Amino acid sequence: MSKNMLSFFMKSLGFLALTAFVVAHNCVIAGAAETLRLGFSGASATQLAGYLAVEQKLFDIYGVNVELTQSAGTTMIRALDSGSLHVAIVGGGQALSAYLRGVEVRIISGLVNTVPFQLWARPELSQLKDLKGKLIANNPVKDVKLIAFGRIQLVSRALLGGVVDAALLSSPDTIEARRSGLHMLMDLATQRIACPFTSVVTTRAVLEKSPASLDRFLRGILHGIKLALTNPDMAKKTLGRNMRLTDPEALEETYQRAVAVYERLPIVPKDAIDTVIKLSTEPPGRNPFGVLDMSIVERLDKEGFVRALYSAK
């Protein structure tokens, strides 16, 4: 037998052995597959990885059944606490607030760990100092009057309608603000302010009962991040469907803004929790960093899963 033929034969055996291992592994996973009830908090570009994981059936690939529901963030925190949801993609600040009240939620990953907003104002307000005494929608700046809105969708309408003088906006609302002649005062995304903006949240009970299912779930999320960063055509189609965006300019800007704040390894830093605590008016009643449990993501990275994702074609 020639050396080339022997090499081919050995490589073929290696490939077959690897294939057999993967098939056997997947069969074991399929046989033990558990269902996780997943909650989304609404149409937001920062949840792109989750959208992709659902649409591309990435959770199926990693052997976990996922049932999807959509609701407001505060409602989903209550659903996690009651056990009607197992995991949610929701604002990390909401999870932290619940944790500090004694709810045993845990942030196990962070899709977006910085503030992605831009601060927009009426055209005559050209500098931050011009905001003194003005009406600001959901903006933690001193010497201004704050107006809180229960739904984030109402913030842009308030600014465009003249109800407030300035507001924190994200794409695609920034497109309409620019077209309406409003002025951008600051892009907070470029400041890289650590914040648990969009997080993957579960409970201590689910972590203890179903660590293997959460492991498989997070593999799907990590794969979704990979697709968001490396397959813009697929990602933009997914964004368009989930956010009902048809304007090419709005879709492109929304996509670019989303991936600009994504990271390959979605670990929430302690600085993000610290930012929220510093902005709080009340001292925490328990250690705020206890809300973080990055153990699964850190282990997946240590095992080389993330590296393998990005090296695969």
C-alpha atoms as a PDB file:
ATOM      1  CA  MET A   1       0.000   0.000   0.000  1.00  0.00           C
ATOM      2  CA  SER A   2       1.465   3.359  -1.002  1.00  0.00           C
ATOM      3  CA  LYS A   3       2.202   6.057   1.566  1.00  0.00           C
ATOM      4  CA  ASN A   4      -0.454   8.384   0.047  1.00  0.00           C
ATOM      5  CA  MET A   5      -3.091   5.651   0.137  1.00  0.00           C
ATOM      6  CA  LEU A   6      -2.181   4.773   3.723  1.00  0.00           C
ATOM      7  CA  SER A   7      -2.438   8.443   4.718  1.00  0.00           C
ATOM      8  CA  PHE A   8      -5.838   8.729   3.063  1.00  0.00           C
ATOM      9  CA  PHE A   9      -7.012   5.534   4.767  1.00  0.00           C
ATOM     10  CA  MET A  10      -5.908   6.700   8.208  1.00  0.00           C
ATOM     11  CA  LYS A  11      -7.507  10.111   7.733  1.00  0.00           C
ATOM     12  CA  SER A  12     -10.711   8.422   6.625  1.00  0.00           C
ATOM     13  CA  LEU A  13     -10.721   6.255   9.739  1.00  0.00           C
ATOM     14  CA  GLY A  14     -10.183   9.337  11.855  1.00  0.00           C
ATOM     15  CA  PHE A  15     -13.039  11.143  10.147  1.00  0.00           C
ATOM     16  CA  LEU A  16     -15.351   8.145  10.571  1.00  0.00           C
ATOM     17  CA  ALA A  17     -14.442   7.838  14.226  1.00  0.00           C
ATOM     18  CA  LEU A  18     -15.124  11.541  14.787  1.00  0.00           C
ATOM     19  CA  THR A  19     -18.427  11.282  12.941  1.00  0.00           C
ATOM     20  CA  ALA A  20     -19.438   8.259  14.983  1.00  0.00           C
ATOM     21  CA  PHE A  21     -18.591  10.107  18.197  1.00  0.00           C
ATOM     22  CA  VAL A  22     -20.637  13.168  17.208  1.00  0.00           C
ATOM     23  CA  VAL A  23     -23.620  11.050  16.157  1.00  0.00           C
ATOM     24  CA  ALA A  24     -23.492   9.019  19.369  1.00  0.00           C
ATOM     25  CA  HIS A  25     -23.118  12.166  21.447  1.00  0.00           C
ATOM     26  CA  ASN A  26     -26.094  13.808  19.735  1.00  0.00           C
ATOM     27  CA  CYS A  27     -28.197  10.671  20.203  1.00  0.00           C
ATOM     28  CA  VAL A  28     -27.491  10.732  23.918  1.00  0.00           C
ATOM     29  CA  ILE A  29     -28.389  14.430  24.065  1.00  0.00           C
ATOM     30  CA  ALA A  30     -31.578  13.885  22.071  1.00  0.00           C
ATOM     31  CA  GLY A  31     -32.644  11.096  24.373  1.00  0.00           C
ATOM     32  CA  ALA A  32     -32.148  13.272  27.425  1.00  0.00           C
ATOM     33  CA  ALA A  33     -33.406  16.500  25.883  1.00  0.00           C
ATOM     34  CA  GLU A  34     -35.150  18.799  28.322  1.00  0.00           C
ATOM     35  CA  THR A  35     -37.491  21.658  27.448  1.00  0.00           C
ATOM     36  CA  LEU A  36     -36.593  25.184  28.527  1.00  0.00           C
ATOM     37  CA  ARG A  37     -39.242  27.902  28.413  1.00  0.00           C
ATOM     38  CA  LEU A  38     -37.537  31.031  27.026  1.00  0.00           C
ATOM     39  CA  GLY A  39     -38.837  34.576  27.302  1.00  0.00           C
ATOM     40  CA  PHE A  40     -38.011  37.562  25.094  1.00  0.00           C
ATOM     41  CA  SER A  41     -38.731  41.081  26.347  1.00  0.00           C
ATOM     42  CA  GLY A  42     -39.696  42.541  22.969  1.00  0.00           C
ATOM     43  CA  ALA A  43     -38.399  43.653  19.582  1.00  0.00           C
ATOM     44  CA  SER A  44     -34.890  44.960  20.205  1.00  0.00           C
ATOM     45  CA  ALA A  45     -31.775  44.805  18.042  1.00  0.00           C
ATOM     46  CA  THR A  46     -29.670  43.864  21.060  1.00  0.00           C
ATOM     47  CA  GLN A  47     -31.513  40.515  21.144  1.00  0.00           C
ATOM     48  CA  LEU A  48     -30.311  39.619  17.644  1.00  0.00           C
ATOM     49  CA  ALA A  49     -28.336  36.557  18.788  1.00  0.00           C
ATOM     50  CA  GLY A  50     -31.454  35.141  20.408  1.00  0.00           C
ATOM     51  CA  TYR A  51     -33.531  35.746  17.282  1.00  0.00           C
ATOM     52  CA  LEU A  52     -30.911  33.964  15.180  1.00  0.00           C
ATOM     53  CA  ALA A  53     -30.692  31.048  17.584  1.00  0.00           C
ATOM     54  CA  VAL A  54     -34.453  30.559  17.335  1.00  0.00           C
ATOM     55  CA  GLU A  55     -34.811  31.068  13.570  1.00  0.00           C
ATOM     56  CA  GLN A  56     -31.792  28.960  12.630  1.00  0.00           C
ATOM     57  CA  LYS A  57     -32.793  26.208  15.091  1.00  0.00           C
ATOM     58  CA  LEU A  58     -29.445  26.424  16.860  1.00  0.00           C
ATOM     59  CA  PHE A  59     -30.900  25.148  20.119  1.00  0.00           C
ATOM     60  CA  ASP A  60     -31.950  21.986  18.287  1.00  0.00           C
ATOM     61  CA  ILE A  61     -28.381  21.525  17.078  1.00  0.00           C
ATOM     62  CA  TYR A  62     -27.129  21.493  20.662  1.00  0.00           C
ATOM     63  CA  GLY A  63     -29.867  19.220  21.933  1.00  0.00           C
ATOM     64  CA  VAL A  64     -32.210  21.412  23.951  1.00  0.00           C
ATOM     65  CA  ASN A  65     -35.893  22.021  23.284  1.00  0.00           C
ATOM     66  CA  VAL A  66     -36.871  25.671  23.626  1.00  0.00           C
ATOM     67  CA  GLU A  67     -40.400  27.006  23.923  1.00  0.00           C
ATOM     68  CA  LEU A  68     -40.585  30.719  23.112  1.00  0.00           C
ATOM     69  CA  THR A  69     -42.805  33.394  24.636  1.00  0.00           C
ATOM     70  CA  GLN A  70     -42.657  37.187  24.500  1.00  0.00           C
ATOM     71  CA  SER A  71     -43.588  39.655  27.209  1.00  0.00           C
ATOM     72  CA  ALA A  72     -42.447  42.755  29.056  1.00  0.00           C
ATOM     73  CA  GLY A  73     -39.230  42.536  31.024  1.00  0.00           C
ATOM     74  CA  THR A  74     -40.756  42.981  34.472  1.00  0.00           C
ATOM     75  CA  THR A  75     -43.391  40.365  33.661  1.00  0.00           C
ATOM     76  CA  MET A  76     -40.688  37.898  32.655  1.00  0.00           C
ATOM     77  CA  ILE A  77     -38.771  38.437  35.884  1.00  0.00           C
ATOM     78  CA  ARG A  78     -41.933  37.496  37.762  1.00  0.00           C
ATOM     79  CA  ALA A  79     -42.382  34.507  35.449  1.00  0.00           C
ATOM     80  CA  LEU A  80     -38.833  33.350  36.208  1.00  0.00           C
ATOM     81  CA  ASP A  81     -39.475  33.703  39.911  1.00  0.00           C
ATOM     82  CA  SER A  82     -42.691  31.673  39.689  1.00  0.00           C
ATOM     83  CA  GLY A  83     -41.071  28.967  37.564  1.00  0.00           C
ATOM     84  CA  SER A  84     -43.283  29.497  34.512  1.00  0.00           C
ATOM     85  CA  LEU A  85     -40.138  30.570  32.605  1.00  0.00           C
ATOM     86  CA  HIS A  86     -36.733  28.891  32.867  1.00  0.00           C
ATOM     87  CA  VAL A  87     -34.584  31.473  31.107  1.00  0.00           C
ATOM     88  CA  ALA A  88     -35.103  34.938  29.640  1.00  0.00           C
ATOM     89  CA  ILE A  89     -33.298  37.469  27.472  1.00  0.00           C
ATOM     90  CA  VAL A  90     -34.050  40.656  29.328  1.00  0.00           C
ATOM     91  CA  GLY A  91     -32.512  43.804  30.742  1.00  0.00           C
ATOM     92  CA  GLY A  92     -29.814  42.947  33.255  1.00  0.00           C
ATOM     93  CA  GLY A  93     -30.769  45.987  35.299  1.00  0.00           C
ATOM     94  CA  GLN A  94     -34.227  44.523  35.839  1.00  0.00           C
ATOM     95  CA  ALA A  95     -32.681  41.247  36.935  1.00  0.00           C
ATOM     96  CA  LEU A  96     -30.338  43.035  39.334  1.00  0.00           C
ATOM     97  CA  SER A  97     -33.201  45.066  40.808  1.00  0.00           C
ATOM     98  CA  ALA A  98     -35.177  41.873  41.435  1.00  0.00           C
ATOM     99  CA  TYR A  99     -32.126  40.152  42.924  1.00  0.00           C
ATOM    100  CA  LEU A 100     -31.588  43.010  45.361  1.00  0.00           C
ATOM    101  CA  ARG A 101     -35.213  42.587  46.467  1.00  0.00           C
ATOM    102  CA  GLY A 102     -34.507  38.947  47.285  1.00  0.00           C
ATOM    103  CA  VAL A 103     -35.587  37.239  44.052  1.00  0.00           C
ATOM    104  CA  GLU A 104     -33.140  34.423  43.288  1.00  0.00           C
ATOM    105  CA  VAL A 105     -32.429  35.277  39.652  1.00  0.00           C
ATOM    106  CA  ARG A 106     -28.981  34.887  38.112  1.00  0.00           C
ATOM    107  CA  ILE A 107     -27.406  36.579  35.086  1.00  0.00           C
ATOM    108  CA  ILE A 108     -25.551  33.812  33.239  1.00  0.00           C
ATOM    109  CA  SER A 109     -24.451  35.749  30.153  1.00  0.00           C
ATOM    110  CA  GLY A 110     -24.628  39.218  28.649  1.00  0.00           C
ATOM    111  CA  LEU A 111     -25.427  39.883  24.995  1.00  0.00           C
ATOM    112  CA  VAL A 112     -24.804  43.614  25.422  1.00  0.00           C
ATOM    113  CA  ASN A 113     -22.726  44.885  28.338  1.00  0.00           C
ATOM    114  CA  THR A 114     -22.551  48.576  27.454  1.00  0.00           C
ATOM    115  CA  VAL A 115     -25.106  51.363  27.007  1.00  0.00           C
ATOM    116  CA  PRO A 116     -26.009  51.401  23.275  1.00  0.00           C
ATOM    117  CA  PHE A 117     -28.044  54.628  23.275  1.00  0.00           C
ATOM    118  CA  GLN A 118     -27.504  58.013  21.689  1.00  0.00           C
ATOM    119  CA  LEU A 119     -28.675  61.222  23.354  1.00  0.00           C
ATOM    120  CA  TRP A 120     -30.822  63.281  20.955  1.00  0.00           C
ATOM    121  CA  ALA A 121     -32.293  66.735  21.540  1.00  0.00           C
ATOM    122  CA  ARG A 122     -34.245  69.491  19.845  1.00  0.00           C
ATOM    123  CA  PRO A 123     -32.177  71.360  17.196  1.00  0.00           C
ATOM    124  CA  GLU A 124     -31.583  74.445  19.348  1.00  0.00           C
ATOM    125  CA  LEU A 125     -29.924  72.338  22.071  1.00  0.00           C
ATOM    126  CA  SER A 126     -26.406  71.900  20.726  1.00  0.00           C
ATOM    127  CA  GLN A 127     -24.436  71.102  23.891  1.00  0.00           C
ATOM    128  CA  LEU A 128     -24.938  69.054  27.034  1.00  0.00           C
ATOM    129  CA  LYS A 129     -25.003  72.198  29.152  1.00  0.00           C
ATOM    130  CA  ASP A 130     -28.048  73.341  27.190  1.00  0.00           C
ATOM    131  CA  LEU A 131     -30.031  70.546  28.857  1.00  0.00           C
ATOM    132  CA  LYS A 132     -30.077  72.285  32.247  1.00  0.00           C
ATOM    133  CA  GLY A 133     -33.657  72.685  33.351  1.00  0.00           C
ATOM    134  CA  LYS A 134     -35.017  70.794  30.330  1.00  0.00           C
ATOM    135  CA  LEU A 135     -37.330  67.789  30.191  1.00  0.00           C
ATOM    136  CA  ILE A 136     -35.413  64.592  29.534  1.00  0.00           C
ATOM    137  CA  ALA A 137     -36.942  61.173  28.856  1.00  0.00           C
ATOM    138  CA  ASN A 138     -35.238  58.396  30.858  1.00  0.00           C
ATOM    139  CA  ASN A 139     -31.872  60.125  31.220  1.00  0.00           C
ATOM    140  CA  PRO A 140     -29.835  60.125  34.459  1.00  0.00           C
ATOM    141  CA  VAL A 141     -28.333  63.611  34.153  1.00  0.00           C
ATOM    142  CA  LYS A 142     -28.304  66.104  37.006  1.00  0.00           C
ATOM    143  CA  ASP A 143     -30.030  69.498  36.845  1.00  0.00           C
ATOM    144  CA  VAL A 144     -32.742  68.277  34.488  1.00  0.00           C
ATOM    145  CA  LYS A 145     -36.340  67.185  34.942  1.00  0.00           C
ATOM    146  CA  LEU A 146     -36.779  63.492  34.210  1.00  0.00           C
ATOM    147  CA  ILE A 147     -39.930  61.978  32.768  1.00  0.00           C
ATOM    148  CA  ALA A 148     -40.205  58.201  32.966  1.00  0.00           C
ATOM    149  CA  PHE A 149     -42.038  56.253  30.276  1.00  0.00           C
ATOM    150  CA  GLY A 150     -43.287  52.726  30.918  1.00  0.00           C
ATOM    151  CA  ARG A 151     -42.608  51.613  27.353  1.00  0.00           C
ATOM    152  CA  ILE A 152     -39.384  52.427  25.546  1.00  0.00           C
ATOM    153  CA  GLN A 153     -41.323  52.870  22.285  1.00  0.00           C
ATOM    154  CA  LEU A 154     -42.966  55.978  23.803  1.00  0.00           C
ATOM    155  CA  VAL A 155     -39.631  57.733  24.372  1.00  0.00           C
ATOM    156  CA  SER A 156     -38.959  58.548  20.721  1.00  0.00           C
ATOM    157  CA  ARG A 157     -42.566  59.625  20.191  1.00  0.00           C
ATOM    158  CA  ALA A 158     -42.279  62.007  23.142  1.00  0.00           C
ATOM    159  CA  LEU A 159     -39.161  63.628  21.685  1.00  0.00           C
ATOM    160  CA  LEU A 160     -40.442  63.777  18.114  1.00  0.00           C
ATOM    161  CA  GLY A 161     -43.764  65.144  19.351  1.00  0.00           C
ATOM    162  CA  GLY A 162     -42.158  67.873  21.457  1.00  0.00           C
ATOM    163  CA  VAL A 163     -43.277  66.461  24.811  1.00  0.00           C
ATOM    164  CA  VAL A 164     -39.667  66.347  26.037  1.00  0.00           C
ATOM    165  CA  ASP A 165     -36.549  68.271  25.056  1.00  0.00           C
ATOM    166  CA  ALA A 166     -34.152  65.331  24.833  1.00  0.00           C
ATOM    167  CA  ALA A 167     -34.166  61.546  25.045  1.00  0.00           C
ATOM    168  CA  LEU A 168     -31.974  58.473  24.848  1.00  0.00           C
ATOM    169  CA  LEU A 169     -32.691  56.732  21.543  1.00  0.00           C
ATOM    170  CA  SER A 170     -31.502  53.637  19.717  1.00  0.00           C
ATOM    171  CA  SER A 171     -31.812  52.536  16.100  1.00  0.00           C
ATOM    172  CA  PRO A 172     -34.079  52.720  14.171  1.00  0.00           C
ATOM    173  CA  ASP A 173     -35.534  55.661  16.129  1.00  0.00           C
ATOM    174  CA  THR A 174     -32.283  57.559  15.579  1.00  0.00           C
ATOM    175  CA  ILE A 175     -32.964  57.494  11.826  1.00  0.00           C
ATOM    176  CA  GLU A 176     -36.277  59.272  12.285  1.00  0.00           C
ATOM    177  CA  ALA A 177     -34.693  61.719  14.729  1.00  0.00           C
ATOM    178  CA  ARG A 178     -32.020  62.652  12.198  1.00  0.00           C
ATOM    179  CA  ARG A 179     -34.543  62.993   9.384  1.00  0.00           C
ATOM    180  CA  SER A 180     -36.679  65.211  11.610  1.00  0.00           C
ATOM    181  CA  GLY A 181     -33.810  67.654  12.146  1.00  0.00           C
ATOM    182  CA  LEU A 182     -33.063  66.726  15.747  1.00  0.00           C
ATOM    183  CA  HIS A 183     -29.526  66.970  17.089  1.00  0.00           C
ATOM    184  CA  MET A 184     -27.391  64.180  18.540  1.00  0.00           C
ATOM    185  CA  LEU A 185     -25.555  65.407  21.634  1.00  0.00           C
ATOM    186  CA  MET A 186     -23.725  62.214  22.602  1.00  0.00           C
ATOM    187  CA  ASP A 187     -23.195  58.649  21.443  1.00  0.00           C
ATOM    188  CA  LEU A 188     -22.989  56.639  24.638  1.00  0.00           C
ATOM    189  CA  ALA A 189     -22.002  53.471  22.762  1.00  0.00           C
ATOM    190  CA  THR A 190     -18.633  55.002  21.918  1.00  0.00           C
ATOM    191  CA  GLN A 191     -18.070  55.750  25.607  1.00  0.00           C
ATOM    192  CA  ARG A 192     -18.221  51.975  26.384  1.00  0.00           C
ATOM    193  CA  ILE A 193     -20.016  52.529  29.669  1.00  0.00           C
ATOM    194  CA  ALA A 194     -20.227  49.129  31.375  1.00  0.00           C
ATOM    195  CA  CYS A 195     -23.853  48.179  31.939  1.00  0.00           C
ATOM    196  CA  PRO A 196     -25.829  44.883  31.937  1.00  0.00           C
ATOM    197  CA  PHE A 197     -28.053  46.132  29.127  1.00  0.00           C
ATOM    198  CA  THR A 198     -29.279  42.861  27.587  1.00  0.00           C
ATOM    199  CA  SER A 199     -28.660  39.731  29.627  1.00  0.00           C
ATOM    200  CA  VAL A 200     -29.453  36.040  29.677  1.00  0.00           C
ATOM    201  CA  VAL A 201     -31.186  35.461  32.999  1.00  0.00           C
ATOM    202  CA  THR A 202     -32.292  32.332  34.836  1.00  0.00           C
ATOM    203  CA  THR A 203     -32.825  31.387  38.473  1.00  0.00           C
ATOM    204  CA  ARG A 204     -30.677  29.670  41.052  1.00  0.00           C
ATOM    205  CA  ALA A 205     -33.141  26.771  41.088  1.00  0.00           C
ATOM    206  CA  VAL A 206     -32.813  26.166  37.330  1.00  0.00           C
ATOM    207  CA  LEU A 207     -29.024  26.447  37.544  1.00  0.00           C
ATOM    208  CA  GLU A 208     -29.005  23.749  40.212  1.00  0.00           C
ATOM    209  CA  LYS A 209     -31.590  21.493  38.556  1.00  0.00           C
ATOM    210  CA  SER A 210     -30.768  21.848  34.843  1.00  0.00           C
ATOM    211  CA  PRO A 211     -27.116  22.881  34.344  1.00  0.00           C
ATOM    212  CA  ALA A 212     -26.727  20.630  31.281  1.00  0.00           C
ATOM    213  CA  SER A 213     -29.748  22.199  29.556  1.00  0.00           C
ATOM    214  CA  LEU A 214     -28.457  25.700  30.282  1.00  0.00           C
ATOM    215  CA  ASP A 215     -25.059  24.634  28.902  1.00  0.00           C
ATOM    216  CA  ARG A 216     -26.714  23.573  25.621  1.00  0.00           C
ATOM    217  CA  PHE A 217     -28.861  26.694  25.578  1.00  0.00           C
ATOM    218  CA  LEU A 218     -25.833  28.958  25.940  1.00  0.00           C
ATOM    219  CA  ARG A 219     -24.067  27.085  23.144  1.00  0.00           C
ATOM    220  CA  GLY A 220     -26.984  28.098  20.937  1.00  0.00           C
ATOM    221  CA  ILE A 221     -26.694  31.710  22.085  1.00  0.00           C
ATOM    222  CA  LEU A 222     -22.937  31.760  21.450  1.00  0.00           C
ATOM    223  CA  HIS A 223     -23.564  30.332  17.980  1.00  0.00           C
ATOM    224  CA  GLY A 224     -26.179  33.054  17.448  1.00  0.00           C
ATOM    225  CA  ILE A 225     -23.602  35.704  18.346  1.00  0.00           C
ATOM    226  CA  LYS A 226     -21.220  34.140  15.845  1.00  0.00           C
ATOM    227  CA  LEU A 227     -23.849  34.360  13.071  1.00  0.00           C
ATOM    228  CA  ALA A 228     -24.671  37.950  14.019  1.00  0.00           C
ATOM    229  CA  LEU A 229     -21.015  38.955  13.719  1.00  0.00           C
ATOM    230  CA  THR A 230     -20.047  36.920  10.655  1.00  0.00           C
ATOM    231  CA  ASN A 231     -23.190  36.596   8.512  1.00  0.00           C
ATOM    232  CA  PRO A 232     -24.596  40.103   8.016  1.00  0.00           C
ATOM    233  CA  ASP A 233     -27.021  39.109   5.255  1.00  0.00           C
ATOM    234  CA  MET A 234     -28.668  36.468   7.440  1.00  0.00           C
ATOM    235  CA  ALA A 235     -28.582  38.730  10.485  1.00  0.00           C
ATOM    236  CA  LYS A 236     -30.203  41.669   8.700  1.00  0.00           C
ATOM    237  CA  LYS A 237     -32.978  39.488   7.323  1.00  0.00           C
ATOM    238  CA  THR A 238     -33.635  38.235  10.846  1.00  0.00           C
ATOM    239  CA  LEU A 239     -33.633  41.771  12.244  1.00  0.00           C
ATOM    240  CA  GLY A 240     -35.977  42.926   9.513  1.00  0.00           C
ATOM    241  CA  ARG A 241     -38.479  40.188  10.283  1.00  0.00           C
ATOM    242  CA  ASN A 242     -38.391  40.578  14.051  1.00  0.00           C
ATOM    243  CA  MET A 243     -38.365  44.370  14.141  1.00  0.00           C
ATOM    244  CA  ARG A 244     -40.545  44.822  11.048  1.00  0.00           C
ATOM    245  CA  LEU A 245     -37.932  46.954   9.334  1.00  0.00           C
ATOM    246  CA  THR A 246     -38.169  47.434   5.582  1.00  0.00           C
ATOM    247  CA  ASP A 247     -36.229  50.684   5.136  1.00  0.00           C
ATOM    248  CA  PRO A 248     -32.716  49.617   3.956  1.00  0.00           C
ATOM    249  CA  GLU A 249     -31.000  52.548   5.680  1.00  0.00           C
ATOM    250  CA  ALA A 250     -32.731  51.881   8.992  1.00  0.00           C
ATOM    251  CA  LEU A 251     -32.012  48.165   8.759  1.00  0.00           C
ATOM    252  CA  GLU A 252     -28.329  48.687   7.978  1.00  0.00           C
ATOM    253  CA  GLU A 253     -27.817  51.191  10.783  1.00  0.00           C
ATOM    254  CA  THR A 254     -29.728  49.055  13.276  1.00  0.00           C
ATOM    255  CA  TYR A 255     -27.606  46.026  12.404  1.00  0.00           C
ATOM    256  CA  GLN A 256     -24.318  47.934  12.580  1.00  0.00           C
ATOM    257  CA  ARG A 257     -25.240  49.461  15.934  1.00  0.00           C
ATOM    258  CA  ALA A 258     -26.165  46.039  17.330  1.00  0.00           C
ATOM    259  CA  VAL A 259     -23.002  44.198  16.335  1.00  0.00           C
ATOM    260  CA  ALA A 260     -20.825  47.115  17.444  1.00  0.00           C
ATOM    261  CA  VAL A 261     -21.739  46.326  21.042  1.00  0.00           C
ATOM    262  CA  TYR A 262     -21.554  42.512  20.701  1.00  0.00           C
ATOM    263  CA  GLU A 263     -18.573  40.486  21.927  1.00  0.00           C
ATOM    264  CA  ARG A 264     -17.536  36.945  21.035  1.00  0.00           C
ATOM    265  CA  LEU A 265     -17.390  35.990  24.693  1.00  0.00           C
ATOM    266  CA  PRO A 266     -20.537  37.437  26.344  1.00  0.00           C
ATOM    267  CA  ILE A 267     -19.360  37.685  29.944  1.00  0.00           C
ATOM    268  CA  VAL A 268     -20.892  40.404  32.107  1.00  0.00           C
ATOM    269  CA  PRO A 269     -18.089  42.267  33.917  1.00  0.00           C
ATOM    270  CA  LYS A 270     -18.467  43.308  37.531  1.00  0.00           C
ATOM    271  CA  ASP A 271     -18.035  46.911  36.371  1.00  0.00           C
ATOM    272  CA  ALA A 272     -21.447  46.636  34.683  1.00  0.00           C
ATOM    273  CA  ILE A 273     -23.129  45.813  37.999  1.00  0.00           C
ATOM    274  CA  ASP A 274     -21.117  48.541  39.701  1.00  0.00           C
ATOM    275  CA  THR A 275     -22.451  51.128  37.222  1.00  0.00           C
ATOM    276  CA  VAL A 276     -26.055  50.303  38.102  1.00  0.00           C
ATOM    277  CA  ILE A 277     -25.351  50.370  41.838  1.00  0.00           C
ATOM    278  CA  LYS A 278     -23.676  53.787  41.598  1.00  0.00           C
ATOM    279  CA  LEU A 279     -26.731  55.200  39.818  1.00  0.00           C
ATOM    280  CA  SER A 280     -29.104  53.757  42.417  1.00  0.00           C
ATOM    281  CA  THR A 281     -30.522  56.039  45.081  1.00  0.00           C
ATOM    282  CA  GLU A 282     -30.726  53.258  47.666  1.00  0.00           C
ATOM    283  CA  PRO A 283     -27.885  51.157  49.113  1.00  0.00           C
ATOM    284  CA  PRO A 284     -28.134  47.473  48.149  1.00  0.00           C
ATOM    285  CA  GLY A 285     -29.484  45.135  50.806  1.00  0.00           C
ATOM    286  CA  ARG A 286     -27.284  42.234  49.667  1.00  0.00           C
ATOM    287  CA  ASN A 287     -24.071  41.745  47.712  1.00  0.00           C
ATOM    288  CA  PRO A 288     -25.062  42.897  44.201  1.00  0.00           C
ATOM    289  CA  PHE A 289     -22.361  40.843  42.497  1.00  0.00           C
ATOM    290  CA  GLY A 290     -24.079  37.680  43.665  1.00  0.00           C
ATOM    291  CA  VAL A 291     -26.479  38.090  40.736  1.00  0.00           C
ATOM    292  CA  LEU A 292     -23.671  37.099  38.342  1.00  0.00           C
ATOM    293  CA  ASP A 293     -22.901  33.480  37.494  1.00  0.00           C
ATOM    294  CA  MET A 294     -20.631  33.286  34.462  1.00  0.00           C
ATOM    295  CA  SER A 295     -19.461  29.741  35.237  1.00  0.00           C
ATOM    296  CA  ILE A 296     -21.046  28.043  32.207  1.00  0.00           C
ATOM    297  CA  VAL A 297     -19.809  30.568  29.647  1.00  0.00           C
ATOM    298  CA  GLU A 298     -16.348  30.614  31.209  1.00  0.00           C
ATOM    299  CA  ARG A 299     -16.163  26.815  31.089  1.00  0.00           C
ATOM    300  CA  LEU A 300     -17.318  26.710  27.455  1.00  0.00           C
ATOM    301  CA  ASP A 301     -14.590  29.188  26.584  1.00  0.00           C
ATOM    302  CA  LYS A 302     -11.964  27.236  28.531  1.00  0.00           C
ATOM    303  CA  GLU A 303     -12.982  24.056  26.714  1.00  0.00           C
ATOM    304  CA  GLY A 304     -12.391  25.796  23.372  1.00  0.00           C
ATOM    305  CA  PHE A 305     -16.023  25.924  22.232  1.00  0.00           C
ATOM    306  CA  VAL A 306     -15.929  29.620  21.270  1.00  0.00           C
ATOM    307  CA  ARG A 307     -12.614  29.265  19.463  1.00  0.00           C
ATOM    308  CA  ALA A 308     -13.951  26.279  17.520  1.00  0.00           C
ATOM    309  CA  LEU A 309     -17.073  28.209  16.529  1.00  0.00           C
ATOM    310  CA  TYR A 310     -15.100  30.945  14.828  1.00  0.00           C
ATOM    311  CA  SER A 311     -12.575  28.616  13.215  1.00  0.00           C
ATOM    312  CA  ALA A 312     -15.344  26.547  11.572  1.00  0.00           C
ATOM    313  CA  LYS A 313     -16.523  27.508   8.108  1.00  0.00           C
END
